[in-house]
Amino acid sequence: MLIPQLESAEAARNAREIAAVDGVDVLLVGAADLSTSEGLAESDPTVVELITGAVRAVHAVGKPIGNAGGASAAHVQASLETGFDFTLMSNDASLLGSAARAAVEAGRSVHRG
């Protein structure tokens, strides 16, 4: 499976052409990298329009597009409302980090009587 990642404004603006390449199966938006490439916050209207424009463009070609979101219901809901077909709820490093943090906090919460 070939999944190009749209992580720059240039890639987002060319999403339709990228999606139309023979062999491309789905696309993935990396909003953090995309916003960083523009020196803007992910919530900035320019970044939001780049993302929504990419979603529309990829759907116009008939291909699915997803994003790398967060591990919460709110992030999944926001992804659906943006028009993404799927969302990655986290990654291995974040999940492992969260689990390690929870384990350390649990261990530190215990006190000798």
PDB file of N, CA and C in Angstrom:
ATOM      1  N   MET A   1       0.835  -1.164   0.000  1.00  0.00           N
ATOM      2  CA  MET A   1       0.000   0.000   0.000  1.00  0.00           C
ATOM      3  C   MET A   1       0.885   1.233   0.000  1.00  0.00           C
ATOM      4  N   LEU A   2       0.570   2.193  -0.832  1.00  0.00           N
ATOM      5  CA  LEU A   2       1.330   3.432  -0.929  1.00  0.00           C
ATOM      6  C   LEU A   2       0.514   4.570  -0.334  1.00  0.00           C
ATOM      7  N   ILE A   3       1.079   5.212   0.705  1.00  0.00           N
ATOM      8  CA  ILE A   3       0.373   6.270   1.434  1.00  0.00           C
ATOM      9  C   ILE A   3       1.276   7.507   1.512  1.00  0.00           C
ATOM     10  N   PRO A   4       1.198   8.393   0.538  1.00  0.00           N
ATOM     11  CA  PRO A   4       1.975   9.625   0.642  1.00  0.00           C
ATOM     12  C   PRO A   4       1.461  10.490   1.793  1.00  0.00           C
ATOM     13  N   GLN A   5       2.387  11.173   2.448  1.00  0.00           N
ATOM     14  CA  GLN A   5       2.028  12.074   3.531  1.00  0.00           C
ATOM     15  C   GLN A   5       2.131  13.512   3.039  1.00  0.00           C
ATOM     16  N   LEU A   6       1.091  14.276   3.314  1.00  0.00           N
ATOM     17  CA  LEU A   6       1.069  15.689   2.958  1.00  0.00           C
ATOM     18  C   LEU A   6       1.529  16.459   4.190  1.00  0.00           C
ATOM     19  N   GLU A   7       2.767  16.928   4.161  1.00  0.00           N
ATOM     20  CA  GLU A   7       3.344  17.566   5.348  1.00  0.00           C
ATOM     21  C   GLU A   7       3.917  18.941   5.055  1.00  0.00           C
ATOM     22  N   SER A   8       3.543  19.517   3.920  1.00  0.00           N
ATOM     23  CA  SER A   8       3.951  20.875   3.589  1.00  0.00           C
ATOM     24  C   SER A   8       2.802  21.553   2.858  1.00  0.00           C
ATOM     25  N   ALA A   9       2.843  22.886   2.823  1.00  0.00           N
ATOM     26  CA  ALA A   9       1.812  23.623   2.100  1.00  0.00           C
ATOM     27  C   ALA A   9       1.831  23.251   0.623  1.00  0.00           C
ATOM     28  N   GLU A  10       3.016  23.071   0.077  1.00  0.00           N
ATOM     29  CA  GLU A  10       3.127  22.704  -1.336  1.00  0.00           C
ATOM     30  C   GLU A  10       2.454  21.356  -1.599  1.00  0.00           C
ATOM     31  N   ALA A  11       2.677  20.389  -0.733  1.00  0.00           N
ATOM     32  CA  ALA A  11       2.038  19.083  -0.897  1.00  0.00           C
ATOM     33  C   ALA A  11       0.526  19.205  -0.768  1.00  0.00           C
ATOM     34  N   ALA A  12       0.058  19.978   0.206  1.00  0.00           N
ATOM     35  CA  ALA A  12      -1.395  20.151   0.394  1.00  0.00           C
ATOM     36  C   ALA A  12      -2.015  20.798  -0.842  1.00  0.00           C
ATOM     37  N   ARG A  13      -1.333  21.778  -1.390  1.00  0.00           N
ATOM     38  CA  ARG A  13      -1.858  22.461  -2.588  1.00  0.00           C
ATOM     39  C   ARG A  13      -1.862  21.539  -3.813  1.00  0.00           C
ATOM     40  N   ASN A  14      -1.027  20.528  -3.805  1.00  0.00           N
ATOM     41  CA  ASN A  14      -0.934  19.589  -4.927  1.00  0.00           C
ATOM     42  C   ASN A  14      -1.555  18.235  -4.600  1.00  0.00           C
ATOM     43  N   ALA A  15      -2.423  18.212  -3.604  1.00  0.00           N
ATOM     44  CA  ALA A  15      -3.017  16.949  -3.144  1.00  0.00           C
ATOM     45  C   ALA A  15      -3.755  16.217  -4.263  1.00  0.00           C
ATOM     46  N   ARG A  16      -4.469  16.935  -5.085  1.00  0.00           N
ATOM     47  CA  ARG A  16      -5.221  16.288  -6.178  1.00  0.00           C
ATOM     48  C   ARG A  16      -4.273  15.568  -7.128  1.00  0.00           C
ATOM     49  N   GLU A  17      -3.199  16.240  -7.509  1.00  0.00           N
ATOM     50  CA  GLU A  17      -2.243  15.643  -8.434  1.00  0.00           C
ATOM     51  C   GLU A  17      -1.536  14.457  -7.796  1.00  0.00           C
ATOM     52  N   ILE A  18      -1.199  14.570  -6.519  1.00  0.00           N
ATOM     53  CA  ILE A  18      -0.550  13.467  -5.809  1.00  0.00           C
ATOM     54  C   ILE A  18      -1.489  12.272  -5.722  1.00  0.00           C
ATOM     55  N   ALA A  19      -2.749  12.528  -5.381  1.00  0.00           N
ATOM     56  CA  ALA A  19      -3.732  11.449  -5.259  1.00  0.00           C
ATOM     57  C   ALA A  19      -3.983  10.757  -6.594  1.00  0.00           C
ATOM     58  N   ALA A  20      -3.849  11.506  -7.682  1.00  0.00           N
ATOM     59  CA  ALA A  20      -4.122  10.949  -9.010  1.00  0.00           C
ATOM     60  C   ALA A  20      -2.991  10.080  -9.551  1.00  0.00           C
ATOM     61  N   VAL A  21      -1.850  10.067  -8.877  1.00  0.00           N
ATOM     62  CA  VAL A  21      -0.722   9.248  -9.338  1.00  0.00           C
ATOM     63  C   VAL A  21      -1.096   7.776  -9.253  1.00  0.00           C
ATOM     64  N   ASP A  22      -0.878   7.061 -10.336  1.00  0.00           N
ATOM     65  CA  ASP A  22      -1.173   5.633 -10.370  1.00  0.00           C
ATOM     66  C   ASP A  22      -0.377   4.915  -9.286  1.00  0.00           C
ATOM     67  N   GLY A  23      -1.061   4.112  -8.507  1.00  0.00           N
ATOM     68  CA  GLY A  23      -0.407   3.364  -7.443  1.00  0.00           C
ATOM     69  C   GLY A  23      -0.592   3.967  -6.067  1.00  0.00           C
ATOM     70  N   VAL A  24      -0.987   5.240  -5.991  1.00  0.00           N
ATOM     71  CA  VAL A  24      -1.267   5.861  -4.693  1.00  0.00           C
ATOM     72  C   VAL A  24      -2.609   5.328  -4.207  1.00  0.00           C
ATOM     73  N   ASP A  25      -2.621   4.771  -2.988  1.00  0.00           N
ATOM     74  CA  ASP A  25      -3.837   4.164  -2.450  1.00  0.00           C
ATOM     75  C   ASP A  25      -4.635   5.115  -1.580  1.00  0.00           C
ATOM     76  N   VAL A  26      -3.986   5.770  -0.652  1.00  0.00           N
ATOM     77  CA  VAL A  26      -4.622   6.721   0.255  1.00  0.00           C
ATOM     78  C   VAL A  26      -3.586   7.803   0.572  1.00  0.00           C
ATOM     79  N   LEU A  27      -4.043   8.914   1.140  1.00  0.00           N
ATOM     80  CA  LEU A  27      -3.130   9.967   1.558  1.00  0.00           C
ATOM     81  C   LEU A  27      -3.309  10.241   3.039  1.00  0.00           C
ATOM     82  N   LEU A  28      -2.282  10.822   3.642  1.00  0.00           N
ATOM     83  CA  LEU A  28      -2.298  11.116   5.062  1.00  0.00           C
ATOM     84  C   LEU A  28      -1.796  12.539   5.265  1.00  0.00           C
ATOM     85  N   VAL A  29      -2.569  13.340   6.008  1.00  0.00           N
ATOM     86  CA  VAL A  29      -2.161  14.705   6.327  1.00  0.00           C
ATOM     87  C   VAL A  29      -1.436  14.708   7.663  1.00  0.00           C
ATOM     88  N   GLY A  30      -0.250  15.288   7.680  1.00  0.00           N
ATOM     89  CA  GLY A  30       0.490  15.507   8.915  1.00  0.00           C
ATOM     90  C   GLY A  30       0.351  16.980   9.284  1.00  0.00           C
ATOM     91  N   ALA A  31      -0.703  17.310  10.042  1.00  0.00           N
ATOM     92  CA  ALA A  31      -1.019  18.712  10.338  1.00  0.00           C
ATOM     93  C   ALA A  31       0.094  19.413  11.107  1.00  0.00           C
ATOM     94  N   ALA A  32       0.742  18.727  12.012  1.00  0.00           N
ATOM     95  CA  ALA A  32       1.810  19.362  12.791  1.00  0.00           C
ATOM     96  C   ALA A  32       2.959  19.788  11.883  1.00  0.00           C
ATOM     97  N   ASP A  33       3.395  18.889  11.017  1.00  0.00           N
ATOM     98  CA  ASP A  33       4.477  19.224  10.094  1.00  0.00           C
ATOM     99  C   ASP A  33       4.031  20.266   9.079  1.00  0.00           C
ATOM    100  N   LEU A  34       2.790  20.167   8.623  1.00  0.00           N
ATOM    101  CA  LEU A  34       2.256  21.128   7.670  1.00  0.00           C
ATOM    102  C   LEU A  34       2.246  22.526   8.281  1.00  0.00           C
ATOM    103  N   SER A  35       1.747  22.651   9.501  1.00  0.00           N
ATOM    104  CA  SER A  35       1.706  23.965  10.149  1.00  0.00           C
ATOM    105  C   SER A  35       3.118  24.491  10.415  1.00  0.00           C
ATOM    106  N   THR A  36       4.017  23.602  10.797  1.00  0.00           N
ATOM    107  CA  THR A  36       5.403  24.006  11.037  1.00  0.00           C
ATOM    108  C   THR A  36       6.042  24.520   9.749  1.00  0.00           C
ATOM    109  N   SER A  37       5.718  23.888   8.633  1.00  0.00           N
ATOM    110  CA  SER A  37       6.295  24.314   7.355  1.00  0.00           C
ATOM    111  C   SER A  37       5.871  25.738   6.997  1.00  0.00           C
ATOM    112  N   GLU A  38       4.738  26.167   7.547  1.00  0.00           N
ATOM    113  CA  GLU A  38       4.236  27.511   7.290  1.00  0.00           C
ATOM    114  C   GLU A  38       4.552  28.477   8.427  1.00  0.00           C
ATOM    115  N   GLY A  39       5.112  27.968   9.515  1.00  0.00           N
ATOM    116  CA  GLY A  39       5.398  28.809  10.673  1.00  0.00           C
ATOM    117  C   GLY A  39       4.142  29.281  11.371  1.00  0.00           C
ATOM    118  N   LEU A  40       3.089  28.447  11.312  1.00  0.00           N
ATOM    119  CA  LEU A  40       1.791  28.813  11.877  1.00  0.00           C
ATOM    120  C   LEU A  40       1.292  27.718  12.809  1.00  0.00           C
ATOM    121  N   ALA A  41       0.300  28.043  13.613  1.00  0.00           N
ATOM    122  CA  ALA A  41      -0.343  27.052  14.475  1.00  0.00           C
ATOM    123  C   ALA A  41      -1.271  26.180  13.640  1.00  0.00           C
ATOM    124  N   GLU A  42      -1.519  24.969  14.109  1.00  0.00           N
ATOM    125  CA  GLU A  42      -2.435  24.066  13.397  1.00  0.00           C
ATOM    126  C   GLU A  42      -3.828  24.668  13.264  1.00  0.00           C
ATOM    127  N   SER A  43      -4.210  25.514  14.200  1.00  0.00           N
ATOM    128  CA  SER A  43      -5.547  26.116  14.188  1.00  0.00           C
ATOM    129  C   SER A  43      -5.627  27.384  13.343  1.00  0.00           C
ATOM    130  N   ASP A  44      -4.501  27.838  12.810  1.00  0.00           N
ATOM    131  CA  ASP A  44      -4.510  29.047  11.990  1.00  0.00           C
ATOM    132  C   ASP A  44      -5.399  28.833  10.764  1.00  0.00           C
ATOM    133  N   PRO A  45      -6.215  29.821  10.399  1.00  0.00           N
ATOM    134  CA  PRO A  45      -7.116  29.669   9.243  1.00  0.00           C
ATOM    135  C   PRO A  45      -6.410  29.265   7.951  1.00  0.00           C
ATOM    136  N   THR A  46      -5.190  29.713   7.751  1.00  0.00           N
ATOM    137  CA  THR A  46      -4.448  29.327   6.543  1.00  0.00           C
ATOM    138  C   THR A  46      -4.179  27.829   6.533  1.00  0.00           C
ATOM    139  N   VAL A  47      -3.772  27.293   7.669  1.00  0.00           N
ATOM    140  CA  VAL A  47      -3.485  25.863   7.783  1.00  0.00           C
ATOM    141  C   VAL A  47      -4.779  25.063   7.660  1.00  0.00           C
ATOM    142  N   VAL A  48      -5.824  25.523   8.326  1.00  0.00           N
ATOM    143  CA  VAL A  48      -7.119  24.836   8.257  1.00  0.00           C
ATOM    144  C   VAL A  48      -7.602  24.761   6.811  1.00  0.00           C
ATOM    145  N   GLU A  49      -7.462  25.851   6.066  1.00  0.00           N
ATOM    146  CA  GLU A  49      -7.890  25.849   4.661  1.00  0.00           C
ATOM    147  C   GLU A  49      -7.013  24.942   3.810  1.00  0.00           C
ATOM    148  N   LEU A  50      -5.717  24.902   4.079  1.00  0.00           N
ATOM    149  CA  LEU A  50      -4.852  23.975   3.347  1.00  0.00           C
ATOM    150  C   LEU A  50      -5.314  22.539   3.570  1.00  0.00           C
ATOM    151  N   ILE A  51      -5.659  22.210   4.796  1.00  0.00           N
ATOM    152  CA  ILE A  51      -6.082  20.844   5.121  1.00  0.00           C
ATOM    153  C   ILE A  51      -7.439  20.535   4.500  1.00  0.00           C
ATOM    154  N   THR A  52      -8.415  21.415   4.682  1.00  0.00           N
ATOM    155  CA  THR A  52      -9.743  21.141   4.119  1.00  0.00           C
ATOM    156  C   THR A  52      -9.706  21.123   2.597  1.00  0.00           C
ATOM    157  N   GLY A  53      -8.849  21.968   2.014  1.00  0.00           N
ATOM    158  CA  GLY A  53      -8.686  21.945   0.559  1.00  0.00           C
ATOM    159  C   GLY A  53      -8.091  20.638   0.077  1.00  0.00           C
ATOM    160  N   ALA A  54      -7.130  20.119   0.823  1.00  0.00           N
ATOM    161  CA  ALA A  54      -6.525  18.826   0.471  1.00  0.00           C
ATOM    162  C   ALA A  54      -7.551  17.713   0.573  1.00  0.00           C
ATOM    163  N   VAL A  55      -8.370  17.736   1.610  1.00  0.00           N
ATOM    164  CA  VAL A  55      -9.419  16.708   1.771  1.00  0.00           C
ATOM    165  C   VAL A  55     -10.368  16.740   0.571  1.00  0.00           C
ATOM    166  N   ARG A  56     -10.823  17.928   0.204  1.00  0.00           N
ATOM    167  CA  ARG A  56     -11.730  18.052  -0.952  1.00  0.00           C
ATOM    168  C   ARG A  56     -11.054  17.555  -2.228  1.00  0.00           C
ATOM    169  N   ALA A  57      -9.807  17.930  -2.423  1.00  0.00           N
ATOM    170  CA  ALA A  57      -9.085  17.562  -3.641  1.00  0.00           C
ATOM    171  C   ALA A  57      -8.888  16.057  -3.761  1.00  0.00           C
ATOM    172  N   VAL A  58      -8.533  15.419  -2.662  1.00  0.00           N
ATOM    173  CA  VAL A  58      -8.318  13.966  -2.680  1.00  0.00           C
ATOM    174  C   VAL A  58      -9.643  13.242  -2.899  1.00  0.00           C
ATOM    175  N   HIS A  59     -10.696  13.708  -2.263  1.00  0.00           N
ATOM    176  CA  HIS A  59     -12.007  13.085  -2.473  1.00  0.00           C
ATOM    177  C   HIS A  59     -12.473  13.261  -3.917  1.00  0.00           C
ATOM    178  N   ALA A  60     -12.116  14.377  -4.548  1.00  0.00           N
ATOM    179  CA  ALA A  60     -12.493  14.606  -5.946  1.00  0.00           C
ATOM    180  C   ALA A  60     -11.889  13.561  -6.867  1.00  0.00           C
ATOM    181  N   VAL A  61     -10.750  13.008  -6.472  1.00  0.00           N
ATOM    182  CA  VAL A  61     -10.091  11.955  -7.247  1.00  0.00           C
ATOM    183  C   VAL A  61     -10.656  10.582  -6.866  1.00  0.00           C
ATOM    184  N   GLY A  62     -11.437  10.531  -5.800  1.00  0.00           N
ATOM    185  CA  GLY A  62     -12.054   9.278  -5.376  1.00  0.00           C
ATOM    186  C   GLY A  62     -11.189   8.424  -4.464  1.00  0.00           C
ATOM    187  N   LYS A  63     -10.250   9.071  -3.796  1.00  0.00           N
ATOM    188  CA  LYS A  63      -9.382   8.315  -2.888  1.00  0.00           C
ATOM    189  C   LYS A  63      -9.630   8.761  -1.451  1.00  0.00           C
ATOM    190  N   PRO A  64      -9.348   7.878  -0.506  1.00  0.00           N
ATOM    191  CA  PRO A  64      -9.499   8.249   0.903  1.00  0.00           C
ATOM    192  C   PRO A  64      -8.298   9.055   1.408  1.00  0.00           C
ATOM    193  N   ILE A  65      -8.576   9.838   2.447  1.00  0.00           N
ATOM    194  CA  ILE A  65      -7.534  10.646   3.074  1.00  0.00           C
ATOM    195  C   ILE A  65      -7.743  10.610   4.582  1.00  0.00           C
ATOM    196  N   GLY A  66      -6.644  10.509   5.306  1.00  0.00           N
ATOM    197  CA  GLY A  66      -6.719  10.460   6.759  1.00  0.00           C
ATOM    198  C   GLY A  66      -5.750  11.427   7.381  1.00  0.00           C
ATOM    199  N   ASN A  67      -5.716  11.397   8.700  1.00  0.00           N
ATOM    200  CA  ASN A  67      -4.806  12.277   9.426  1.00  0.00           C
ATOM    201  C   ASN A  67      -4.216  11.557  10.625  1.00  0.00           C
ATOM    202  N   ALA A  68      -3.209  12.191  11.184  1.00  0.00           N
ATOM    203  CA  ALA A  68      -2.623  11.722  12.431  1.00  0.00           C
ATOM    204  C   ALA A  68      -3.211  12.597  13.523  1.00  0.00           C
ATOM    205  N   GLY A  69      -4.164  12.051  14.255  1.00  0.00           N
ATOM    206  CA  GLY A  69      -4.854  12.827  15.276  1.00  0.00           C
ATOM    207  C   GLY A  69      -4.422  12.422  16.662  1.00  0.00           C
ATOM    208  N   GLY A  70      -5.243  12.733  17.608  1.00  0.00           N
ATOM    209  CA  GLY A  70      -4.950  12.407  18.993  1.00  0.00           C
ATOM    210  C   GLY A  70      -5.785  11.241  19.478  1.00  0.00           C
ATOM    211  N   ALA A  71      -5.414  10.727  20.633  1.00  0.00           N
ATOM    212  CA  ALA A  71      -6.077   9.542  21.193  1.00  0.00           C
ATOM    213  C   ALA A  71      -7.233   9.943  22.097  1.00  0.00           C
ATOM    214  N   SER A  72      -8.209  10.655  21.518  1.00  0.00           N
ATOM    215  CA  SER A  72      -9.396  11.025  22.287  1.00  0.00           C
ATOM    216  C   SER A  72     -10.605  11.067  21.361  1.00  0.00           C
ATOM    217  N   ALA A  73     -11.777  10.946  21.958  1.00  0.00           N
ATOM    218  CA  ALA A  73     -13.010  11.014  21.180  1.00  0.00           C
ATOM    219  C   ALA A  73     -13.141  12.375  20.498  1.00  0.00           C
ATOM    220  N   ALA A  74     -12.711  13.438  21.180  1.00  0.00           N
ATOM    221  CA  ALA A  74     -12.794  14.781  20.598  1.00  0.00           C
ATOM    222  C   ALA A  74     -11.953  14.894  19.329  1.00  0.00           C
ATOM    223  N   HIS A  75     -10.757  14.302  19.337  1.00  0.00           N
ATOM    224  CA  HIS A  75      -9.912  14.336  18.141  1.00  0.00           C
ATOM    225  C   HIS A  75     -10.539  13.531  17.000  1.00  0.00           C
ATOM    226  N   VAL A  76     -11.116  12.398  17.322  1.00  0.00           N
ATOM    227  CA  VAL A  76     -11.770  11.585  16.284  1.00  0.00           C
ATOM    228  C   VAL A  76     -12.954  12.354  15.703  1.00  0.00           C
ATOM    229  N   GLN A  77     -13.747  12.980  16.558  1.00  0.00           N
ATOM    230  CA  GLN A  77     -14.898  13.756  16.095  1.00  0.00           C
ATOM    231  C   GLN A  77     -14.444  14.901  15.185  1.00  0.00           C
ATOM    232  N   ALA A  78     -13.411  15.616  15.595  1.00  0.00           N
ATOM    233  CA  ALA A  78     -12.896  16.718  14.781  1.00  0.00           C
ATOM    234  C   ALA A  78     -12.395  16.213  13.433  1.00  0.00           C
ATOM    235  N   SER A  79     -11.766  15.053  13.419  1.00  0.00           N
ATOM    236  CA  SER A  79     -11.282  14.466  12.165  1.00  0.00           C
ATOM    237  C   SER A  79     -12.440  14.149  11.231  1.00  0.00           C
ATOM    238  N   LEU A  80     -13.486  13.561  11.781  1.00  0.00           N
ATOM    239  CA  LEU A  80     -14.669  13.251  10.971  1.00  0.00           C
ATOM    240  C   LEU A  80     -15.305  14.529  10.426  1.00  0.00           C
ATOM    241  N   GLU A  81     -15.397  15.546  11.274  1.00  0.00           N
ATOM    242  CA  GLU A  81     -16.007  16.810  10.845  1.00  0.00           C
ATOM    243  C   GLU A  81     -15.187  17.504   9.767  1.00  0.00           C
ATOM    244  N   THR A  82     -13.888  17.286   9.758  1.00  0.00           N
ATOM    245  CA  THR A  82     -13.025  17.849   8.720  1.00  0.00           C
ATOM    246  C   THR A  82     -13.204  17.111   7.402  1.00  0.00           C
ATOM    247  N   GLY A  83     -13.693  15.889   7.475  1.00  0.00           N
ATOM    248  CA  GLY A  83     -13.923  15.102   6.266  1.00  0.00           C
ATOM    249  C   GLY A  83     -12.959  13.959   6.062  1.00  0.00           C
ATOM    250  N   PHE A  84     -12.086  13.728   7.046  1.00  0.00           N
ATOM    251  CA  PHE A  84     -11.152  12.617   6.914  1.00  0.00           C
ATOM    252  C   PHE A  84     -11.897  11.292   6.927  1.00  0.00           C
ATOM    253  N   ASP A  85     -11.365  10.341   6.190  1.00  0.00           N
ATOM    254  CA  ASP A  85     -11.948   9.002   6.112  1.00  0.00           C
ATOM    255  C   ASP A  85     -11.439   8.089   7.220  1.00  0.00           C
ATOM    256  N   PHE A  86     -10.279   8.407   7.769  1.00  0.00           N
ATOM    257  CA  PHE A  86      -9.715   7.634   8.876  1.00  0.00           C
ATOM    258  C   PHE A  86      -8.782   8.540   9.659  1.00  0.00           C
ATOM    259  N   THR A  87      -8.479   8.142  10.875  1.00  0.00           N
ATOM    260  CA  THR A  87      -7.537   8.893  11.690  1.00  0.00           C
ATOM    261  C   THR A  87      -6.657   7.930  12.474  1.00  0.00           C
ATOM    262  N   LEU A  88      -5.394   8.276  12.586  1.00  0.00           N
ATOM    263  CA  LEU A  88      -4.481   7.518  13.428  1.00  0.00           C
ATOM    264  C   LEU A  88      -4.598   8.130  14.819  1.00  0.00           C
ATOM    265  N   MET A  89      -5.038   7.365  15.773  1.00  0.00           N
ATOM    266  CA  MET A  89      -5.325   7.928  17.082  1.00  0.00           C
ATOM    267  C   MET A  89      -4.080   8.203  17.910  1.00  0.00           C
ATOM    268  N   SER A  90      -2.971   7.704  17.508  1.00  0.00           N
ATOM    269  CA  SER A  90      -1.724   7.967  18.201  1.00  0.00           C
ATOM    270  C   SER A  90      -0.616   7.256  17.444  1.00  0.00           C
ATOM    271  N   ASN A  91       0.556   7.226  18.044  1.00  0.00           N
ATOM    272  CA  ASN A  91       1.655   6.464  17.461  1.00  0.00           C
ATOM    273  C   ASN A  91       2.335   5.687  18.568  1.00  0.00           C
ATOM    274  N   ASP A  92       3.230   4.817  18.194  1.00  0.00           N
ATOM    275  CA  ASP A  92       3.854   3.941  19.187  1.00  0.00           C
ATOM    276  C   ASP A  92       4.599   4.718  20.264  1.00  0.00           C
ATOM    277  N   ALA A  93       5.318   5.750  19.881  1.00  0.00           N
ATOM    278  CA  ALA A  93       6.093   6.511  20.872  1.00  0.00           C
ATOM    279  C   ALA A  93       5.175   7.220  21.863  1.00  0.00           C
ATOM    280  N   SER A  94       4.105   7.818  21.372  1.00  0.00           N
ATOM    281  CA  SER A  94       3.169   8.518  22.263  1.00  0.00           C
ATOM    282  C   SER A  94       2.447   7.543  23.186  1.00  0.00           C
ATOM    283  N   LEU A  95       2.010   6.418  22.637  1.00  0.00           N
ATOM    284  CA  LEU A  95       1.320   5.429  23.472  1.00  0.00           C
ATOM    285  C   LEU A  95       2.245   4.856  24.531  1.00  0.00           C
ATOM    286  N   LEU A  96       3.461   4.537  24.142  1.00  0.00           N
ATOM    287  CA  LEU A  96       4.424   4.015  25.096  1.00  0.00           C
ATOM    288  C   LEU A  96       4.758   5.070  26.153  1.00  0.00           C
ATOM    289  N   GLY A  97       4.931   6.303  25.730  1.00  0.00           N
ATOM    290  CA  GLY A  97       5.212   7.385  26.666  1.00  0.00           C
ATOM    291  C   GLY A  97       4.083   7.587  27.661  1.00  0.00           C
ATOM    292  N   SER A  98       2.842   7.540  27.176  1.00  0.00           N
ATOM    293  CA  SER A  98       1.680   7.690  28.070  1.00  0.00           C
ATOM    294  C   SER A  98       1.613   6.549  29.067  1.00  0.00           C
ATOM    295  N   ALA A  99       1.850   5.339  28.598  1.00  0.00           N
ATOM    296  CA  ALA A  99       1.817   4.179  29.494  1.00  0.00           C
ATOM    297  C   ALA A  99       2.925   4.274  30.538  1.00  0.00           C
ATOM    298  N   ALA A 100       4.115   4.681  30.125  1.00  0.00           N
ATOM    299  CA  ALA A 100       5.233   4.816  31.068  1.00  0.00           C
ATOM    300  C   ALA A 100       4.942   5.902  32.096  1.00  0.00           C
ATOM    301  N   ARG A 101       4.402   7.022  31.635  1.00  0.00           N
ATOM    302  CA  ARG A 101       4.052   8.120  32.542  1.00  0.00           C
ATOM    303  C   ARG A 101       3.020   7.665  33.567  1.00  0.00           C
ATOM    304  N   ALA A 102       1.999   6.943  33.120  1.00  0.00           N
ATOM    305  CA  ALA A 102       0.957   6.436  34.023  1.00  0.00           C
ATOM    306  C   ALA A 102       1.553   5.460  35.035  1.00  0.00           C
ATOM    307  N   ALA A 103       2.470   4.606  34.599  1.00  0.00           N
ATOM    308  CA  ALA A 103       3.092   3.641  35.509  1.00  0.00           C
ATOM    309  C   ALA A 103       3.926   4.350  36.570  1.00  0.00           C
ATOM    310  N   VAL A 104       4.693   5.353  36.156  1.00  0.00           N
ATOM    311  CA  VAL A 104       5.519   6.100  37.116  1.00  0.00           C
ATOM    312  C   VAL A 104       4.621   6.845  38.105  1.00  0.00           C
ATOM    313  N   GLU A 105       3.575   7.474  37.616  1.00  0.00           N
ATOM    314  CA  GLU A 105       2.655   8.192  38.507  1.00  0.00           C
ATOM    315  C   GLU A 105       1.992   7.240  39.499  1.00  0.00           C
ATOM    316  N   ALA A 106       1.608   6.063  39.027  1.00  0.00           N
ATOM    317  CA  ALA A 106       1.002   5.070  39.925  1.00  0.00           C
ATOM    318  C   ALA A 106       1.998   4.644  40.993  1.00  0.00           C
ATOM    319  N   GLY A 107       3.227   4.393  40.590  1.00  0.00           N
ATOM    320  CA  GLY A 107       4.259   3.987  41.550  1.00  0.00           C
ATOM    321  C   GLY A 107       4.555   5.076  42.574  1.00  0.00           C
ATOM    322  N   ARG A 108       4.593   6.298  42.131  1.00  0.00           N
ATOM    323  CA  ARG A 108       4.888   7.419  43.036  1.00  0.00           C
ATOM    324  C   ARG A 108       3.721   7.748  43.962  1.00  0.00           C
ATOM    325  N   SER A 109       2.535   7.292  43.621  1.00  0.00           N
ATOM    326  CA  SER A 109       1.370   7.598  44.448  1.00  0.00           C
ATOM    327  C   SER A 109       1.292   6.737  45.702  1.00  0.00           C
ATOM    328  N   VAL A 110       2.086   5.664  45.745  1.00  0.00           N
ATOM    329  CA  VAL A 110       2.061   4.737  46.890  1.00  0.00           C
ATOM    330  C   VAL A 110       3.063   5.213  47.950  1.00  0.00           C
ATOM    331  N   HIS A 111       2.608   5.250  49.187  1.00  0.00           N
ATOM    332  CA  HIS A 111       3.462   5.689  50.289  1.00  0.00           C
ATOM    333  C   HIS A 111       3.502   4.606  51.356  1.00  0.00           C
ATOM    334  N   ARG A 112       4.642   4.471  51.985  1.00  0.00           N
ATOM    335  CA  ARG A 112       4.757   3.513  53.082  1.00  0.00           C
ATOM    336  C   ARG A 112       3.954   4.003  54.261  1.00  0.00           C
ATOM    337  N   GLY A 113       3.246   3.068  54.876  1.00  0.00           N
ATOM    338  CA  GLY A 113       2.380   3.368  56.014  1.00  0.00           C
ATOM    339  C   GLY A 113       3.062   3.476  57.274  1.00  0.00           C
TER     340      GLY A 113
END
